[in-house]
Amino acid sequence: MNTLLIRAEDIPRQKLEKLAAPLIRIVAEDLKDPKIRAEFEAWKAKKGARS
């Protein structure tokens, strides 16, 4: 099996933004849900405590 290495820095910014746009919209929509937002905030606080 061949291995394919994709380095984000080699992808033009415009293409990265086009690839990321749908994911950003989905995440933003999900974060409108209070339960999901609370879980995210708890994760973020826990992550920040480890830094």
N, C-alpha and C. Protein backbone atom coordinates (compact mmCIF):
# COMPACT_ATOMS: atom_id res chain seq x y z
N MET A 1 0.84 -1.18 0.00
CA MET A 1 0.00 0.00 0.00
C MET A 1 0.88 1.24 0.00
N ASN A 2 0.56 2.19 -0.85
CA ASN A 2 1.31 3.44 -0.92
C ASN A 2 0.80 4.42 0.13
N THR A 3 1.71 5.24 0.61
CA THR A 3 1.37 6.26 1.59
C THR A 3 1.35 7.61 0.91
N LEU A 4 0.31 8.37 1.19
CA LEU A 4 0.18 9.71 0.62
C LEU A 4 0.36 10.71 1.75
N LEU A 5 1.30 11.62 1.60
CA LEU A 5 1.55 12.65 2.59
C LEU A 5 0.98 13.96 2.08
N ILE A 6 0.04 14.51 2.84
CA ILE A 6 -0.55 15.80 2.47
C ILE A 6 -0.13 16.81 3.53
N ARG A 7 0.55 17.83 3.07
CA ARG A 7 1.00 18.88 3.99
C ARG A 7 0.14 20.12 3.74
N ALA A 8 -0.57 20.56 4.78
CA ALA A 8 -1.48 21.70 4.65
C ALA A 8 -0.76 22.92 4.11
N GLU A 9 0.48 23.10 4.49
CA GLU A 9 1.22 24.29 4.03
C GLU A 9 1.48 24.28 2.51
N ASP A 10 1.33 23.12 1.90
CA ASP A 10 1.51 23.02 0.45
C ASP A 10 0.22 23.27 -0.33
N ILE A 11 -0.90 23.37 0.38
CA ILE A 11 -2.19 23.60 -0.28
C ILE A 11 -2.46 25.10 -0.29
N PRO A 12 -2.78 25.66 -1.43
CA PRO A 12 -3.06 27.10 -1.50
C PRO A 12 -4.16 27.49 -0.51
N ARG A 13 -4.00 28.64 0.12
CA ARG A 13 -4.94 29.12 1.14
C ARG A 13 -6.38 29.11 0.64
N GLN A 14 -6.60 29.55 -0.59
CA GLN A 14 -7.94 29.60 -1.15
C GLN A 14 -8.58 28.20 -1.18
N LYS A 15 -7.81 27.20 -1.52
CA LYS A 15 -8.33 25.82 -1.56
C LYS A 15 -8.63 25.32 -0.15
N LEU A 16 -7.75 25.63 0.82
CA LEU A 16 -7.99 25.23 2.20
C LEU A 16 -9.28 25.85 2.73
N GLU A 17 -9.48 27.12 2.44
CA GLU A 17 -10.69 27.81 2.90
C GLU A 17 -11.93 27.19 2.26
N LYS A 18 -11.83 26.82 1.00
CA LYS A 18 -12.97 26.20 0.32
C LYS A 18 -13.28 24.83 0.93
N LEU A 19 -12.24 24.09 1.30
CA LEU A 19 -12.43 22.79 1.93
C LEU A 19 -12.99 22.92 3.35
N ALA A 20 -12.56 23.95 4.06
CA ALA A 20 -12.96 24.11 5.46
C ALA A 20 -14.34 24.74 5.63
N ALA A 21 -14.80 25.50 4.67
CA ALA A 21 -16.05 26.26 4.82
C ALA A 21 -17.24 25.41 5.25
N PRO A 22 -17.50 24.26 4.62
CA PRO A 22 -18.66 23.47 5.07
C PRO A 22 -18.53 23.00 6.52
N LEU A 23 -17.34 22.61 6.92
CA LEU A 23 -17.13 22.15 8.29
C LEU A 23 -17.35 23.29 9.28
N ILE A 24 -16.87 24.46 8.94
CA ILE A 24 -17.05 25.63 9.82
C ILE A 24 -18.54 25.93 9.99
N ARG A 25 -19.31 25.87 8.90
CA ARG A 25 -20.76 26.12 9.00
C ARG A 25 -21.44 25.08 9.87
N ILE A 26 -21.07 23.82 9.71
CA ILE A 26 -21.68 22.73 10.48
C ILE A 26 -21.37 22.90 11.97
N VAL A 27 -20.13 23.18 12.29
CA VAL A 27 -19.74 23.34 13.70
C VAL A 27 -20.45 24.55 14.30
N ALA A 28 -20.50 25.66 13.58
CA ALA A 28 -21.19 26.85 14.08
C ALA A 28 -22.67 26.55 14.36
N GLU A 29 -23.29 25.80 13.47
CA GLU A 29 -24.70 25.44 13.65
C GLU A 29 -24.87 24.53 14.87
N ASP A 30 -23.99 23.56 15.02
CA ASP A 30 -24.06 22.64 16.16
C ASP A 30 -23.87 23.38 17.48
N LEU A 31 -22.99 24.38 17.50
CA LEU A 31 -22.73 25.10 18.74
C LEU A 31 -23.90 25.97 19.19
N LYS A 32 -24.92 26.09 18.37
CA LYS A 32 -26.13 26.81 18.78
C LYS A 32 -26.95 25.97 19.77
N ASP A 33 -26.71 24.66 19.77
CA ASP A 33 -27.39 23.75 20.69
C ASP A 33 -26.76 23.92 22.08
N PRO A 34 -27.56 24.31 23.10
CA PRO A 34 -27.00 24.55 24.43
C PRO A 34 -26.23 23.36 25.01
N LYS A 35 -26.70 22.14 24.76
CA LYS A 35 -26.00 20.96 25.29
C LYS A 35 -24.63 20.81 24.63
N ILE A 36 -24.59 20.95 23.33
CA ILE A 36 -23.32 20.83 22.62
C ILE A 36 -22.38 21.97 23.03
N ARG A 37 -22.92 23.18 23.17
CA ARG A 37 -22.11 24.33 23.58
C ARG A 37 -21.52 24.09 24.97
N ALA A 38 -22.32 23.55 25.89
CA ALA A 38 -21.83 23.28 27.25
C ALA A 38 -20.72 22.23 27.22
N GLU A 39 -20.89 21.19 26.42
CA GLU A 39 -19.85 20.17 26.30
C GLU A 39 -18.57 20.76 25.73
N PHE A 40 -18.72 21.62 24.74
CA PHE A 40 -17.55 22.27 24.13
C PHE A 40 -16.84 23.16 25.15
N GLU A 41 -17.61 23.96 25.89
CA GLU A 41 -17.01 24.85 26.88
C GLU A 41 -16.30 24.06 27.97
N ALA A 42 -16.87 22.93 28.39
CA ALA A 42 -16.22 22.08 29.39
C ALA A 42 -14.92 21.51 28.83
N TRP A 43 -14.96 21.06 27.58
CA TRP A 43 -13.74 20.54 26.94
C TRP A 43 -12.67 21.62 26.86
N LYS A 44 -13.10 22.82 26.45
CA LYS A 44 -12.16 23.93 26.30
C LYS A 44 -11.53 24.30 27.65
N ALA A 45 -12.35 24.33 28.72
CA ALA A 45 -11.83 24.64 30.05
C ALA A 45 -10.83 23.58 30.51
N LYS A 46 -11.16 22.33 30.27
CA LYS A 46 -10.27 21.24 30.65
C LYS A 46 -8.96 21.33 29.87
N LYS A 47 -9.06 21.60 28.60
CA LYS A 47 -7.86 21.72 27.76
C LYS A 47 -7.00 22.89 28.22
N GLY A 48 -7.65 24.01 28.56
CA GLY A 48 -6.93 25.19 29.03
C GLY A 48 -6.24 24.96 30.35
N ALA A 49 -6.82 24.12 31.19
CA ALA A 49 -6.23 23.82 32.48
C ALA A 49 -4.94 23.02 32.34
N ARG A 50 -4.80 22.30 31.24
CA ARG A 50 -3.60 21.48 31.00
C ARG A 50 -2.47 22.28 30.38
N SER A 51 -2.76 23.47 29.84
CA SER A 51 -1.72 24.25 29.15
C SER A 51 -0.74 24.88 30.11
